[in-house]
Amino acid sequence: RAVYGDHPYSRSDQGTRQSIAAITQADLEALHKAVFGLGGLHVAVVGAIDAETLKKKLDMVFGDLPQNQTLAPVADIEPRLAQHIEVNYDLPQTSLQLAWPGVKRKSADFFPAALMNEILGGGTFTSRLFQEVREKRGLAYSVNSSLVNQDHADALIVTTGTRSDRAAETLGIVRDVVKRLAQDGPTEAELAATKKYLIGAYAISNLDSSSAIAATLVELQLDDLGIDYMQRRTGYINAVTLDQVKAEAKKLLTAEPTIMVVGPPLAGAGKG
């Protein structure tokens, strides 16, 4: 709610006790009618079936659906940054999330931002956040950053959890890592290694099973990337220059983030 206000993105996807209890059969029927339209259908099929047989199967399963969905419109929204939010709970572990501006999936800056994010904390064991927070200091088991691309909002999110008595220290280190990347950018060696990783890991992460291939093909449709995106992707990554990544780090990471803390009150250090 602090980040998105009254926008639908502020709602829990699990609902609340009150909202779930109030759902009626008529609500479910209305939702089904609104959602299940051919205009919103994306299909990916992987396996031993030819196109003509598949067409007949798809017509049999989906042919009676109405043409259009009747979904309520959702407005675009910019996450509210430059906030410090603490939810005080007496817990042994404190959860930390920090939100910076993001970049749209179709933006020309997407691949420089994606490479920058991977260097910052994109999930590999070589990221700067992983090295500083976990490897050098043992403050957290997991620390990562991610580019969040939703239909109506974008953000760069850093997430970790640590012992509550060291939460302020951890927060300060995260902010310092981000500040240094924003000021100086990555090195040539970091960029080269990250390009190699992102290119090589795609098949392992996205194409290692029939279900993974199908999910990837649907994702390409949802993002409107084109059927030949997998052939073009390597070229997009290799074309990114060090100056582009440095510029993207400065543009996104110099903004004042929203910081969200769940746990005992911080000691005061590291609030930034």
Protein backbone atom coordinates (compact mmCIF):
# COMPACT_ATOMS: atom_id res chain seq x y z
CA ARG A 1 0.00 0.00 0.00
CA ALA A 2 2.86 2.37 0.74
CA VAL A 3 4.37 1.80 -2.70
CA TYR A 4 1.19 1.51 -4.78
CA GLY A 5 -1.51 3.29 -2.77
CA ASP A 6 -5.01 2.17 -3.79
CA HIS A 7 -3.84 0.68 -7.08
CA PRO A 8 -4.72 -3.02 -7.62
CA TYR A 9 -1.00 -3.87 -7.27
CA SER A 10 -1.28 -3.03 -3.57
CA ARG A 11 -3.71 -5.89 -2.96
CA SER A 12 -2.66 -9.29 -1.69
CA ASP A 13 -3.09 -11.95 -4.35
CA GLN A 14 -4.26 -14.27 -1.55
CA GLY A 15 -7.07 -11.94 -0.55
CA THR A 16 -8.16 -11.27 3.02
CA ARG A 17 -10.39 -13.15 5.45
CA GLN A 18 -13.15 -10.67 4.72
CA SER A 19 -12.83 -10.67 0.93
CA ILE A 20 -12.63 -14.46 0.64
CA ALA A 21 -15.62 -14.98 2.93
CA ALA A 22 -17.68 -12.57 0.81
CA ILE A 23 -17.10 -14.36 -2.53
CA THR A 24 -20.29 -15.85 -4.00
CA GLN A 25 -20.99 -18.29 -6.80
CA ALA A 26 -22.23 -15.36 -8.88
CA ASP A 27 -18.84 -13.64 -8.39
CA LEU A 28 -17.01 -16.68 -9.75
CA GLU A 29 -19.36 -16.97 -12.71
CA ALA A 30 -18.88 -13.27 -13.51
CA LEU A 31 -15.09 -13.62 -13.26
CA HIS A 32 -15.12 -16.64 -15.56
CA LYS A 33 -17.17 -14.74 -18.11
CA ALA A 34 -14.86 -11.72 -17.96
CA VAL A 35 -11.55 -13.59 -18.14
CA PHE A 36 -12.09 -16.49 -20.52
CA GLY A 37 -12.21 -14.88 -23.97
CA LEU A 38 -10.33 -15.85 -27.11
CA GLY A 39 -8.82 -12.38 -27.34
CA GLY A 40 -6.78 -13.01 -24.22
CA LEU A 41 -5.77 -16.60 -25.01
CA HIS A 42 -2.11 -17.50 -25.56
CA VAL A 43 -1.18 -21.09 -26.37
CA ALA A 44 2.14 -22.93 -26.54
CA VAL A 45 2.26 -26.65 -27.25
CA VAL A 46 5.37 -28.82 -27.01
CA GLY A 47 5.28 -32.49 -27.95
CA ALA A 48 4.50 -35.06 -30.62
CA ILE A 49 1.58 -33.39 -32.39
CA ASP A 50 1.31 -31.77 -35.82
CA ALA A 51 -0.20 -28.35 -36.47
CA GLU A 52 -3.39 -29.55 -38.17
CA THR A 53 -4.24 -32.01 -35.40
CA LEU A 54 -3.48 -29.33 -32.82
CA LYS A 55 -5.81 -26.83 -34.50
CA LYS A 56 -8.69 -29.26 -34.22
CA LYS A 57 -7.92 -29.97 -30.56
CA LEU A 58 -7.73 -26.27 -29.72
CA ASP A 59 -11.03 -25.58 -31.50
CA MET A 60 -12.63 -28.44 -29.58
CA VAL A 61 -11.42 -27.15 -26.21
CA PHE A 62 -11.67 -23.38 -26.70
CA GLY A 63 -13.93 -22.86 -29.72
CA ASP A 64 -17.05 -22.00 -27.71
CA LEU A 65 -15.43 -19.18 -25.75
CA PRO A 66 -16.55 -15.61 -26.48
CA GLN A 67 -14.23 -13.56 -28.64
CA ASN A 68 -13.35 -10.81 -26.18
CA GLN A 69 -12.50 -10.49 -22.51
CA THR A 70 -14.38 -7.88 -20.45
CA LEU A 71 -11.73 -7.04 -17.89
CA ALA A 72 -11.80 -3.84 -15.89
CA PRO A 73 -9.16 -1.33 -17.08
CA VAL A 74 -6.06 -0.91 -14.90
CA ALA A 75 -4.09 2.33 -14.90
CA ASP A 76 -0.30 2.60 -15.13
CA ILE A 77 1.41 3.64 -11.89
CA GLU A 78 4.86 4.71 -10.75
CA PRO A 79 5.95 3.12 -7.44
CA ARG A 80 6.24 5.67 -4.65
CA LEU A 81 9.91 5.95 -3.75
CA ALA A 82 11.92 7.81 -1.07
CA GLN A 83 10.04 6.26 1.84
CA HIS A 84 11.28 4.46 4.96
CA ILE A 85 8.69 2.03 6.29
CA GLU A 86 9.16 -0.14 9.37
CA VAL A 87 6.65 -2.77 10.45
CA ASN A 88 7.70 -3.70 13.96
CA TYR A 89 7.54 -7.38 14.88
CA ASP A 90 9.51 -9.13 17.59
CA LEU A 91 11.18 -11.65 15.28
CA PRO A 92 14.66 -13.22 15.27
CA GLN A 93 15.03 -12.38 11.56
CA THR A 94 14.33 -9.07 9.85
CA SER A 95 13.10 -8.87 6.27
CA LEU A 96 14.49 -6.05 4.12
CA GLN A 97 13.17 -4.88 0.76
CA LEU A 98 14.34 -1.83 -1.16
CA ALA A 99 12.67 -0.47 -4.30
CA TRP A 100 14.29 1.70 -6.99
CA PRO A 101 12.92 2.81 -10.37
CA GLY A 102 12.67 0.08 -12.99
CA VAL A 103 12.72 -0.04 -16.78
CA LYS A 104 10.02 -1.20 -19.20
CA ARG A 105 10.53 -4.55 -20.92
CA LYS A 106 10.31 -2.99 -24.39
CA SER A 107 12.60 -0.08 -23.55
CA ALA A 108 15.86 0.30 -25.44
CA ASP A 109 17.49 0.43 -21.99
CA PHE A 110 16.20 -2.99 -20.93
CA PHE A 111 19.30 -5.06 -21.70
CA PRO A 112 21.76 -2.56 -20.17
CA ALA A 113 19.51 -2.55 -17.09
CA ALA A 114 19.29 -6.36 -17.07
CA LEU A 115 23.07 -6.70 -17.17
CA MET A 116 23.49 -4.07 -14.48
CA ASN A 117 20.95 -5.85 -12.27
CA GLU A 118 22.70 -9.19 -12.72
CA ILE A 119 25.98 -7.64 -11.59
CA LEU A 120 24.29 -5.99 -8.63
CA GLY A 121 22.45 -9.00 -7.26
CA GLY A 122 20.69 -10.91 -10.00
CA GLY A 123 20.88 -14.30 -8.33
CA THR A 124 24.35 -15.52 -9.30
CA PHE A 125 26.99 -16.35 -6.70
CA THR A 126 29.25 -13.69 -8.18
CA SER A 127 26.97 -10.67 -7.75
CA ARG A 128 28.23 -7.75 -5.69
CA LEU A 129 25.46 -8.03 -3.12
CA PHE A 130 26.08 -11.76 -2.68
CA GLN A 131 29.80 -11.21 -2.21
CA GLU A 132 29.49 -8.34 0.26
CA VAL A 133 26.47 -9.49 2.29
CA ARG A 134 26.89 -13.27 2.34
CA GLU A 135 30.39 -14.30 1.34
CA LYS A 136 32.43 -11.68 3.19
CA ARG A 137 30.22 -11.16 6.24
CA GLY A 138 27.76 -14.07 6.48
CA LEU A 139 24.89 -11.69 7.17
CA ALA A 140 22.30 -13.48 5.03
CA TYR A 141 21.73 -16.79 3.30
CA SER A 142 20.10 -15.08 0.33
CA VAL A 143 20.33 -11.57 -1.08
CA ASN A 144 19.23 -10.66 -4.56
CA SER A 145 18.02 -7.94 -6.86
CA SER A 146 15.46 -8.24 -9.63
CA LEU A 147 13.87 -6.16 -12.35
CA VAL A 148 10.12 -6.40 -11.86
CA ASN A 149 8.22 -5.86 -15.11
CA GLN A 150 4.46 -5.75 -14.65
CA ASP A 151 1.91 -4.60 -17.21
CA HIS A 152 1.39 -1.28 -15.44
CA ALA A 153 4.49 -0.69 -13.29
CA ASP A 154 8.22 -1.40 -13.23
CA ALA A 155 10.77 -1.45 -10.40
CA LEU A 156 14.16 -2.75 -9.32
CA ILE A 157 13.81 -4.62 -6.03
CA VAL A 158 16.52 -5.76 -3.60
CA THR A 159 15.45 -8.40 -1.07
CA THR A 160 17.22 -10.07 1.85
CA GLY A 161 16.69 -11.26 5.40
CA THR A 162 19.14 -11.25 8.28
CA ARG A 163 19.49 -11.54 12.06
CA SER A 164 17.49 -8.75 13.59
CA ASP A 165 20.41 -7.50 15.67
CA ARG A 166 22.41 -7.02 12.43
CA ALA A 167 19.63 -5.66 10.21
CA ALA A 168 20.82 -2.05 10.35
CA GLU A 169 24.35 -3.18 9.44
CA THR A 170 23.03 -5.25 6.52
CA LEU A 171 20.90 -2.40 5.26
CA GLY A 172 23.90 -0.08 5.35
CA ILE A 173 26.01 -2.54 3.34
CA VAL A 174 23.28 -2.98 0.72
CA ARG A 175 23.00 0.77 0.32
CA ASP A 176 26.78 1.14 0.06
CA VAL A 177 27.02 -1.55 -2.65
CA VAL A 178 24.26 0.18 -4.62
CA LYS A 179 25.89 3.59 -4.18
CA ARG A 180 29.27 2.38 -5.46
CA LEU A 181 27.72 0.71 -8.51
CA ALA A 182 25.75 3.89 -9.27
CA GLN A 183 28.87 6.06 -8.98
CA ASP A 184 31.47 3.91 -10.71
CA GLY A 185 29.53 1.33 -12.71
CA PRO A 186 30.79 -2.22 -13.29
CA THR A 187 34.17 -3.25 -14.61
CA GLU A 188 34.83 -4.60 -18.10
CA ALA A 189 35.53 -8.00 -16.56
CA GLU A 190 32.21 -8.02 -14.68
CA LEU A 191 30.30 -7.09 -17.82
CA ALA A 192 32.02 -9.72 -19.96
CA ALA A 193 31.39 -12.47 -17.41
CA THR A 194 27.75 -11.44 -16.98
CA LYS A 195 27.12 -11.43 -20.72
CA LYS A 196 28.57 -14.93 -20.97
CA TYR A 197 26.42 -16.13 -18.06
CA LEU A 198 23.14 -14.65 -19.30
CA ILE A 199 23.66 -16.08 -22.78
CA GLY A 200 24.68 -19.53 -21.58
CA ALA A 201 22.14 -19.90 -18.80
CA TYR A 202 19.09 -19.21 -20.95
CA ALA A 203 18.78 -22.74 -22.29
CA ILE A 204 19.33 -24.28 -18.85
CA SER A 205 16.79 -22.00 -17.17
CA ASN A 206 14.17 -21.79 -19.92
CA LEU A 207 14.48 -24.79 -22.23
CA ASP A 208 15.41 -27.76 -20.02
CA SER A 209 12.03 -29.55 -20.22
CA SER A 210 8.87 -29.61 -22.32
CA SER A 211 6.96 -27.66 -19.70
CA ALA A 212 9.75 -25.06 -19.44
CA ILE A 213 9.79 -24.60 -23.22
CA ALA A 214 6.01 -24.18 -23.28
CA ALA A 215 6.13 -21.65 -20.43
CA THR A 216 8.88 -19.71 -22.23
CA LEU A 217 6.91 -19.62 -25.48
CA VAL A 218 3.86 -18.27 -23.66
CA GLU A 219 6.02 -15.66 -21.92
CA LEU A 220 7.39 -14.51 -25.29
CA GLN A 221 3.81 -14.04 -26.49
CA LEU A 222 2.77 -12.14 -23.37
CA ASP A 223 5.75 -9.79 -23.76
CA ASP A 224 5.16 -9.51 -27.52
CA LEU A 225 8.80 -10.33 -28.24
CA GLY A 226 8.28 -12.30 -31.45
CA ILE A 227 8.73 -15.94 -32.38
CA ASP A 228 12.41 -15.41 -33.30
CA TYR A 229 13.35 -13.70 -30.02
CA MET A 230 15.55 -16.59 -28.87
CA GLN A 231 17.64 -16.21 -32.02
CA ARG A 232 17.93 -12.42 -31.54
CA ARG A 233 18.54 -12.39 -27.78
CA THR A 234 22.29 -13.11 -27.85
CA GLY A 235 22.84 -10.22 -30.24
CA TYR A 236 20.98 -7.81 -27.96
CA ILE A 237 23.15 -8.81 -25.00
CA ASN A 238 26.46 -8.70 -26.87
CA ALA A 239 25.65 -5.26 -28.28
CA VAL A 240 25.48 -3.65 -24.81
CA THR A 241 28.49 -1.45 -24.01
CA LEU A 242 30.11 -0.70 -20.67
CA ASP A 243 29.12 2.96 -20.99
CA GLN A 244 25.48 1.97 -21.46
CA VAL A 245 25.50 -0.14 -18.30
CA LYS A 246 27.21 2.63 -16.33
CA ALA A 247 24.61 5.12 -17.54
CA GLU A 248 21.76 2.81 -16.56
CA ALA A 249 23.25 2.22 -13.10
CA LYS A 250 23.50 5.96 -12.55
CA LYS A 251 19.97 6.60 -13.84
CA LEU A 252 18.23 3.96 -11.74
CA LEU A 253 20.33 3.62 -8.62
CA THR A 254 20.91 7.26 -7.74
CA ALA A 255 17.21 7.64 -6.95
CA GLU A 256 16.28 7.51 -3.27
CA PRO A 257 14.66 4.10 -2.73
CA THR A 258 11.71 3.08 -0.67
CA ILE A 259 13.01 0.91 2.19
CA MET A 260 10.68 -1.62 3.81
CA VAL A 261 11.70 -3.31 7.06
CA VAL A 262 9.74 -6.03 8.88
CA GLY A 263 11.20 -6.94 12.27
CA PRO A 264 12.26 -5.28 15.53
CA PRO A 265 13.03 -1.55 15.35
CA LEU A 266 16.36 -0.79 13.72
CA ALA A 267 19.11 0.53 15.92
CA GLY A 268 19.33 3.63 13.72
CA ALA A 269 22.41 2.90 11.66
CA GLY A 270 22.12 2.17 7.98
CA LYS A 271 18.84 3.97 7.38
CA GLY A 272 20.58 6.09 4.74
